[in-house]
C-alpha atoms as a PDB file:
ATOM      1  CA  UNK A   1      -6.681  17.370  -1.156  1.00  0.00           C
ATOM      2  CA  UNK A   2      -8.529  17.868  -4.433  1.00  0.00           C
ATOM      3  CA  UNK A   3      -8.644  15.295  -7.221  1.00  0.00           C
ATOM      4  CA  UNK A   4     -10.469  16.372 -10.373  1.00  0.00           C
ATOM      5  CA  UNK A   5     -13.333  14.203 -11.542  1.00  0.00           C
ATOM      6  CA  UNK A   6     -12.711  11.912 -14.463  1.00  0.00           C
ATOM      7  CA  UNK A   7     -14.412  12.648 -17.780  1.00  0.00           C
ATOM      8  CA  UNK A   8     -13.444   9.433 -19.589  1.00  0.00           C
ATOM      9  CA  UNK A   9     -11.557   6.702 -17.810  1.00  0.00           C
ATOM     10  CA  UNK A  10     -11.557   4.049 -15.130  1.00  0.00           C
ATOM     11  CA  UNK A  11     -11.851   4.059 -11.343  1.00  0.00           C
ATOM     12  CA  UNK A  12     -10.598   0.992  -9.496  1.00  0.00           C
ATOM     13  CA  UNK A  13     -12.079   1.113  -6.011  1.00  0.00           C
ATOM     14  CA  UNK A  14     -12.119  -1.103  -2.921  1.00  0.00           C
ATOM     15  CA  UNK A  15      -8.507  -2.164  -3.394  1.00  0.00           C
ATOM     16  CA  UNK A  16      -7.130  -3.770  -0.255  1.00  0.00           C
ATOM     17  CA  UNK A  17      -5.248  -1.082   1.688  1.00  0.00           C
ATOM     18  CA  UNK A  18      -1.580  -0.989   0.739  1.00  0.00           C
ATOM     19  CA  UNK A  19      -2.049  -2.859  -2.567  1.00  0.00           C
ATOM     20  CA  UNK A  20      -2.644   0.210  -4.752  1.00  0.00           C
ATOM     21  CA  UNK A  21       1.020   0.719  -5.695  1.00  0.00           C
ATOM     22  CA  UNK A  22       1.429  -2.978  -6.535  1.00  0.00           C
ATOM     23  CA  UNK A  23      -1.562  -2.707  -8.849  1.00  0.00           C
ATOM     24  CA  UNK A  24      -0.189   0.539 -10.321  1.00  0.00           C
ATOM     25  CA  UNK A  25       3.061  -1.198 -11.304  1.00  0.00           C
ATOM     26  CA  UNK A  26       1.331  -4.388 -12.456  1.00  0.00           C
ATOM     27  CA  UNK A  27      -0.885  -2.423 -14.863  1.00  0.00           C
ATOM     28  CA  UNK A  28       2.133  -0.351 -16.026  1.00  0.00           C
ATOM     29  CA  UNK A  29       0.254   2.846 -15.262  1.00  0.00           C
ATOM     30  CA  UNK A  30       3.586   4.678 -14.995  1.00  0.00           C
ATOM     31  CA  UNK A  31       3.862   4.322 -18.791  1.00  0.00           C
ATOM     32  CA  UNK A  32       0.613   6.214 -19.465  1.00  0.00           C
ATOM     33  CA  UNK A  33       0.548   9.789 -20.692  1.00  0.00           C
ATOM     34  CA  UNK A  34      -2.542  10.791 -18.714  1.00  0.00           C
ATOM     35  CA  UNK A  35      -3.496  11.693 -15.156  1.00  0.00           C
ATOM     36  CA  UNK A  36      -3.421   8.796 -12.701  1.00  0.00           C
ATOM     37  CA  UNK A  37      -4.360   9.314  -9.056  1.00  0.00           C
ATOM     38  CA  UNK A  38      -3.551   6.794  -6.346  1.00  0.00           C
ATOM     39  CA  UNK A  39      -5.347   7.286  -3.058  1.00  0.00           C
ATOM     40  CA  UNK A  40      -3.924   5.206  -0.244  1.00  0.00           C
ATOM     41  CA  UNK A  41      -5.465   4.289   3.101  1.00  0.00           C
ATOM     42  CA  UNK A  42      -8.761   6.025   2.412  1.00  0.00           C
ATOM     43  CA  UNK A  43     -11.336   5.561   5.167  1.00  0.00           C
ATOM     44  CA  UNK A  44     -14.038   3.059   4.235  1.00  0.00           C
ATOM     45  CA  UNK A  45     -17.088   1.972   6.202  1.00  0.00           C
ATOM     46  CA  UNK A  46     -17.057  -1.406   4.482  1.00  0.00           C
ATOM     47  CA  UNK A  47     -13.315  -2.167   4.614  1.00  0.00           C
ATOM     48  CA  UNK A  48     -11.893   0.116   7.298  1.00  0.00           C
ATOM     49  CA  UNK A  49      -9.148   1.337   4.943  1.00  0.00           C
ATOM     50  CA  UNK A  50      -8.835   0.973   1.176  1.00  0.00           C
ATOM     51  CA  UNK A  51      -6.881   2.213  -1.844  1.00  0.00           C
ATOM     52  CA  UNK A  52      -8.375   3.783  -4.981  1.00  0.00           C
ATOM     53  CA  UNK A  53      -6.857   4.323  -8.430  1.00  0.00           C
ATOM     54  CA  UNK A  54      -8.331   6.846 -10.861  1.00  0.00           C
ATOM     55  CA  UNK A  55      -7.160   6.752 -14.470  1.00  0.00           C
ATOM     56  CA  UNK A  56      -8.187   9.684 -16.661  1.00  0.00           C
ATOM     57  CA  UNK A  57      -8.009   7.736 -19.907  1.00  0.00           C
ATOM     58  CA  UNK A  58      -9.808   4.878 -21.596  1.00  0.00           C
ATOM     59  CA  UNK A  59      -7.478   1.892 -21.452  1.00  0.00           C
ATOM     60  CA  UNK A  60      -7.405  -0.922 -23.941  1.00  0.00           C
ATOM     61  CA  UNK A  61      -6.471  -3.732 -21.570  1.00  0.00           C
ATOM     62  CA  UNK A  62      -7.896  -6.911 -20.142  1.00  0.00           C
ATOM     63  CA  UNK A  63      -9.206  -5.934 -16.717  1.00  0.00           C
ATOM     64  CA  UNK A  64     -10.189  -9.548 -16.018  1.00  0.00           C
ATOM     65  CA  UNK A  65      -6.778 -10.303 -14.561  1.00  0.00           C
ATOM     66  CA  UNK A  66      -7.700  -7.955 -11.708  1.00  0.00           C
ATOM     67  CA  UNK A  67     -10.124 -10.666 -10.589  1.00  0.00           C
ATOM     68  CA  UNK A  68      -7.141 -12.867  -9.805  1.00  0.00           C
ATOM     69  CA  UNK A  69      -5.441 -10.109  -7.850  1.00  0.00           C
ATOM     70  CA  UNK A  70      -8.536  -9.198  -5.823  1.00  0.00           C
ATOM     71  CA  UNK A  71     -12.091 -10.141  -6.875  1.00  0.00           C
ATOM     72  CA  UNK A  72     -13.508  -7.764  -4.235  1.00  0.00           C
ATOM     73  CA  UNK A  73     -12.341  -4.598  -5.963  1.00  0.00           C
ATOM     74  CA  UNK A  74     -14.829  -2.554  -7.953  1.00  0.00           C
ATOM     75  CA  UNK A  75     -14.175  -1.238 -11.441  1.00  0.00           C
ATOM     76  CA  UNK A  76     -16.171   1.715 -12.741  1.00  0.00           C
ATOM     77  CA  UNK A  77     -16.053   2.850 -16.367  1.00  0.00           C
ATOM     78  CA  UNK A  78     -16.567   6.599 -16.739  1.00  0.00           C
ATOM     79  CA  UNK A  79     -17.785   8.268 -19.955  1.00  0.00           C
ATOM     80  CA  UNK A  80     -18.597  11.958 -20.287  1.00  0.00           C
ATOM     81  CA  UNK A  81     -18.227  12.387 -16.520  1.00  0.00           C
ATOM     82  CA  UNK A  82     -20.797   9.698 -15.662  1.00  0.00           C
ATOM     83  CA  UNK A  83     -20.383   6.109 -14.533  1.00  0.00           C
ATOM     84  CA  UNK A  84     -21.708   3.895 -17.331  1.00  0.00           C
ATOM     85  CA  UNK A  85     -20.633   0.533 -15.956  1.00  0.00           C
ATOM     86  CA  UNK A  86     -19.680  -0.818 -12.536  1.00  0.00           C
ATOM     87  CA  UNK A  87     -18.564  -4.377 -11.860  1.00  0.00           C
ATOM     88  CA  UNK A  88     -16.448  -6.708  -9.773  1.00  0.00           C
ATOM     89  CA  UNK A  89     -13.846  -8.525 -11.870  1.00  0.00           C
ATOM     90  CA  UNK A  90     -14.346 -12.286 -12.005  1.00  0.00           C
ATOM     91  CA  UNK A  91     -11.632 -14.877 -11.830  1.00  0.00           C
ATOM     92  CA  UNK A  92     -10.385 -15.371 -15.384  1.00  0.00           C
ATOM     93  CA  UNK A  93     -10.422 -18.885 -16.852  1.00  0.00           C
ATOM     94  CA  UNK A  94      -6.786 -18.497 -17.915  1.00  0.00           C
ATOM     95  CA  UNK A  95      -3.914 -16.229 -16.865  1.00  0.00           C
ATOM     96  CA  UNK A  96      -0.792 -15.712 -18.967  1.00  0.00           C
ATOM     97  CA  UNK A  97       2.487 -14.367 -17.549  1.00  0.00           C
ATOM     98  CA  UNK A  98       0.923 -13.128 -14.322  1.00  0.00           C
ATOM     99  CA  UNK A  99       1.747 -16.171 -12.200  1.00  0.00           C
ATOM    100  CA  UNK A 100       5.069 -17.919 -12.717  1.00  0.00           C
ATOM    101  CA  UNK A 101       5.512 -21.658 -12.267  1.00  0.00           C
ATOM    102  CA  UNK A 102       7.805 -22.599  -9.393  1.00  0.00           C
ATOM    103  CA  UNK A 103       8.168 -26.257 -10.383  1.00  0.00           C
ATOM    104  CA  UNK A 104      11.853 -26.797 -11.292  1.00  0.00           C
ATOM    105  CA  UNK A 105      10.838 -29.621 -13.659  1.00  0.00           C
ATOM    106  CA  UNK A 106       8.330 -27.507 -15.619  1.00  0.00           C
ATOM    107  CA  UNK A 107       9.174 -26.700 -19.232  1.00  0.00           C
ATOM    108  CA  UNK A 108       8.802 -22.984 -18.413  1.00  0.00           C
ATOM    109  CA  UNK A 109      11.907 -23.079 -16.201  1.00  0.00           C
ATOM    110  CA  UNK A 110      14.018 -24.552 -19.020  1.00  0.00           C
ATOM    111  CA  UNK A 111      12.540 -22.728 -22.027  1.00  0.00           C
ATOM    112  CA  UNK A 112      12.581 -19.054 -21.082  1.00  0.00           C
ATOM    113  CA  UNK A 113      10.501 -17.933 -24.106  1.00  0.00           C
ATOM    114  CA  UNK A 114       7.473 -20.057 -23.209  1.00  0.00           C
ATOM    115  CA  UNK A 115       4.546 -18.168 -21.702  1.00  0.00           C
ATOM    116  CA  UNK A 116       3.549 -19.102 -18.168  1.00  0.00           C
ATOM    117  CA  UNK A 117      -0.082 -20.134 -18.618  1.00  0.00           C
ATOM    118  CA  UNK A 118      -2.312 -21.068 -15.707  1.00  0.00           C
ATOM    119  CA  UNK A 119      -5.863 -22.424 -15.912  1.00  0.00           C
ATOM    120  CA  UNK A 120      -8.555 -21.931 -13.285  1.00  0.00           C
ATOM    121  CA  UNK A 121      -9.288 -25.364 -11.805  1.00  0.00           C
ATOM    122  CA  UNK A 122     -11.404 -24.468  -8.761  1.00  0.00           C
ATOM    123  CA  UNK A 123     -13.438 -21.263  -8.907  1.00  0.00           C
ATOM    124  CA  UNK A 124     -14.595 -21.466  -5.264  1.00  0.00           C
ATOM    125  CA  UNK A 125     -11.073 -21.725  -3.891  1.00  0.00           C
ATOM    126  CA  UNK A 126      -9.492 -19.589  -6.640  1.00  0.00           C
ATOM    127  CA  UNK A 127      -7.060 -22.367  -7.540  1.00  0.00           C
ATOM    128  CA  UNK A 128      -4.941 -22.092 -10.668  1.00  0.00           C
ATOM    129  CA  UNK A 129      -2.727 -24.824 -12.128  1.00  0.00           C
ATOM    130  CA  UNK A 130       0.104 -24.647 -14.632  1.00  0.00           C
ATOM    131  CA  UNK A 131      -1.019 -25.672 -18.111  1.00  0.00           C
ATOM    132  CA  UNK A 132       2.201 -27.643 -18.684  1.00  0.00           C
ATOM    133  CA  UNK A 133       2.954 -29.435 -15.409  1.00  0.00           C
ATOM    134  CA  UNK A 134      -0.288 -29.087 -13.386  1.00  0.00           C
ATOM    135  CA  UNK A 135       1.530 -27.492 -10.431  1.00  0.00           C
ATOM    136  CA  UNK A 136      -0.754 -25.411  -8.236  1.00  0.00           C
ATOM    137  CA  UNK A 137      -0.057 -21.686  -8.174  1.00  0.00           C
ATOM    138  CA  UNK A 138       0.731 -20.152  -4.810  1.00  0.00           C
ATOM    139  CA  UNK A 139      -0.765 -16.741  -4.041  1.00  0.00           C
END
Protein backbone atom coordinates (compact mmCIF):
# COMPACT_ATOMS: atom_id res chain seq x y z
CA UNK A 1 0.00 0.00 0.00
CA UNK A 2 1.31 3.44 -0.91
CA UNK A 3 -0.06 6.69 0.49
CA UNK A 4 1.48 9.86 -0.90
CA UNK A 5 3.02 12.27 1.57
CA UNK A 6 1.06 15.37 2.45
CA UNK A 7 2.33 18.75 1.26
CA UNK A 8 -0.11 20.93 3.21
CA UNK A 9 -2.59 19.41 5.60
CA UNK A 10 -3.19 17.56 8.83
CA UNK A 11 -2.28 14.12 10.16
CA UNK A 12 -4.31 12.79 13.08
CA UNK A 13 -2.33 9.93 14.59
CA UNK A 14 -2.65 7.61 17.58
CA UNK A 15 -6.41 7.30 17.19
CA UNK A 16 -7.75 4.38 19.20
CA UNK A 17 -8.07 1.40 16.84
CA UNK A 18 -11.51 1.24 15.25
CA UNK A 19 -12.38 4.90 15.98
CA UNK A 20 -11.00 6.36 12.74
CA UNK A 21 -14.27 6.09 10.79
CA UNK A 22 -16.24 7.65 13.66
CA UNK A 23 -13.82 10.57 13.63
CA UNK A 24 -14.03 10.77 9.82
CA UNK A 25 -17.82 11.20 9.99
CA UNK A 26 -17.70 13.52 13.00
CA UNK A 27 -15.33 15.90 11.19
CA UNK A 28 -17.44 15.65 7.99
CA UNK A 29 -14.36 14.69 6.02
CA UNK A 30 -16.60 13.07 3.40
CA UNK A 31 -17.63 16.61 2.38
CA UNK A 32 -14.06 17.68 1.54
CA UNK A 33 -12.81 17.98 -2.02
CA UNK A 34 -9.29 16.76 -1.25
CA UNK A 35 -7.47 13.50 -0.58
CA UNK A 36 -8.26 11.89 2.77
CA UNK A 37 -6.60 8.64 3.81
CA UNK A 38 -7.86 6.50 6.67
CA UNK A 39 -5.49 3.83 7.89
CA UNK A 40 -7.12 1.32 10.20
CA UNK A 41 -5.53 -1.14 12.60
CA UNK A 42 -1.98 0.00 11.91
CA UNK A 43 0.63 -1.74 14.06
CA UNK A 44 1.93 0.48 16.85
CA UNK A 45 4.59 -0.24 19.45
CA UNK A 46 2.95 2.17 21.88
CA UNK A 47 -0.71 1.19 21.38
CA UNK A 48 -0.65 -2.25 19.77
CA UNK A 49 -3.05 -1.12 17.02
CA UNK A 50 -4.11 2.38 16.01
CA UNK A 51 -5.90 4.35 13.29
CA UNK A 52 -4.46 7.30 11.35
CA UNK A 53 -6.20 9.96 9.25
CA UNK A 54 -4.28 12.02 6.70
CA UNK A 55 -5.99 15.07 5.22
CA UNK A 56 -4.27 16.69 2.23
CA UNK A 57 -5.75 20.13 2.84
CA UNK A 58 -5.53 22.89 5.41
CA UNK A 59 -8.79 22.82 7.35
CA UNK A 60 -10.38 25.80 9.01
CA UNK A 61 -11.93 24.01 11.97
CA UNK A 62 -11.65 23.84 15.73
CA UNK A 63 -9.50 20.79 16.40
CA UNK A 64 -9.92 21.28 20.16
CA UNK A 65 -13.05 19.16 20.20
CA UNK A 66 -10.82 16.20 19.35
CA UNK A 67 -9.50 16.49 22.91
CA UNK A 68 -12.93 15.46 24.15
CA UNK A 69 -13.05 12.50 21.79
CA UNK A 70 -9.56 11.26 22.65
CA UNK A 71 -6.89 13.45 24.30
CA UNK A 72 -4.23 10.82 23.51
CA UNK A 73 -4.33 11.34 19.76
CA UNK A 74 -1.62 13.39 18.10
CA UNK A 75 -2.28 16.13 15.58
CA UNK A 76 0.47 17.18 13.18
CA UNK A 77 0.20 20.25 10.95
CA UNK A 78 2.07 19.83 7.67
CA UNK A 79 3.29 22.76 5.53
CA UNK A 80 5.42 22.41 2.41
CA UNK A 81 5.89 18.70 3.15
CA UNK A 82 7.30 19.26 6.65
CA UNK A 83 5.70 18.96 10.07
CA UNK A 84 5.56 22.47 11.55
CA UNK A 85 3.50 21.70 14.63
CA UNK A 86 2.68 18.58 16.64
CA UNK A 87 0.39 18.50 19.65
CA UNK A 88 -2.09 16.53 21.72
CA UNK A 89 -5.51 18.20 21.80
CA UNK A 90 -6.56 19.37 25.25
CA UNK A 91 -10.00 19.07 26.73
CA UNK A 92 -11.92 22.15 25.60
CA UNK A 93 -13.52 24.37 28.25
CA UNK A 94 -16.83 24.26 26.37
CA UNK A 95 -18.36 21.94 23.77
CA UNK A 96 -21.33 22.90 21.61
CA UNK A 97 -23.53 20.34 19.81
CA UNK A 98 -21.08 17.48 20.28
CA UNK A 99 -22.67 16.01 23.41
CA UNK A 100 -26.44 15.99 23.71
CA UNK A 101 -28.24 16.35 27.03
CA UNK A 102 -30.20 13.26 28.06
CA UNK A 103 -32.13 14.96 30.86
CA UNK A 104 -35.83 14.91 29.85
CA UNK A 105 -36.42 18.08 31.91
CA UNK A 106 -33.65 20.09 30.21
CA UNK A 107 -34.71 23.02 28.03
CA UNK A 108 -32.77 21.46 25.13
CA UNK A 109 -35.24 18.57 24.92
CA UNK A 110 -38.20 20.96 24.62
CA UNK A 111 -36.66 23.72 22.50
CA UNK A 112 -35.09 21.95 19.54
CA UNK A 113 -33.28 25.07 18.23
CA UNK A 114 -31.23 25.59 21.39
CA UNK A 115 -27.58 24.55 21.16
CA UNK A 116 -26.45 21.76 23.47
CA UNK A 117 -23.65 23.44 25.42
CA UNK A 118 -21.52 21.58 27.92
CA UNK A 119 -18.87 23.08 30.21
CA UNK A 120 -15.80 21.27 31.51
CA UNK A 121 -16.24 20.93 35.28
CA UNK A 122 -13.46 18.47 36.17
CA UNK A 123 -10.39 18.40 33.94
CA UNK A 124 -8.81 15.38 35.69
CA UNK A 125 -11.86 13.19 35.22
CA UNK A 126 -12.92 14.79 31.91
CA UNK A 127 -16.36 15.62 33.29
CA UNK A 128 -18.69 17.87 31.34
CA UNK A 129 -22.01 19.27 32.56
CA UNK A 130 -24.93 20.77 30.67
CA UNK A 131 -24.90 24.56 30.80
CA UNK A 132 -28.68 24.68 31.32
CA UNK A 133 -29.51 21.85 33.73
CA UNK A 134 -26.11 20.79 35.14
CA UNK A 135 -26.62 17.15 34.10
CA UNK A 136 -23.37 15.25 33.72
CA UNK A 137 -22.53 14.10 30.20
CA UNK A 138 -22.07 10.38 29.69
CA UNK A 139 -19.25 9.26 27.40
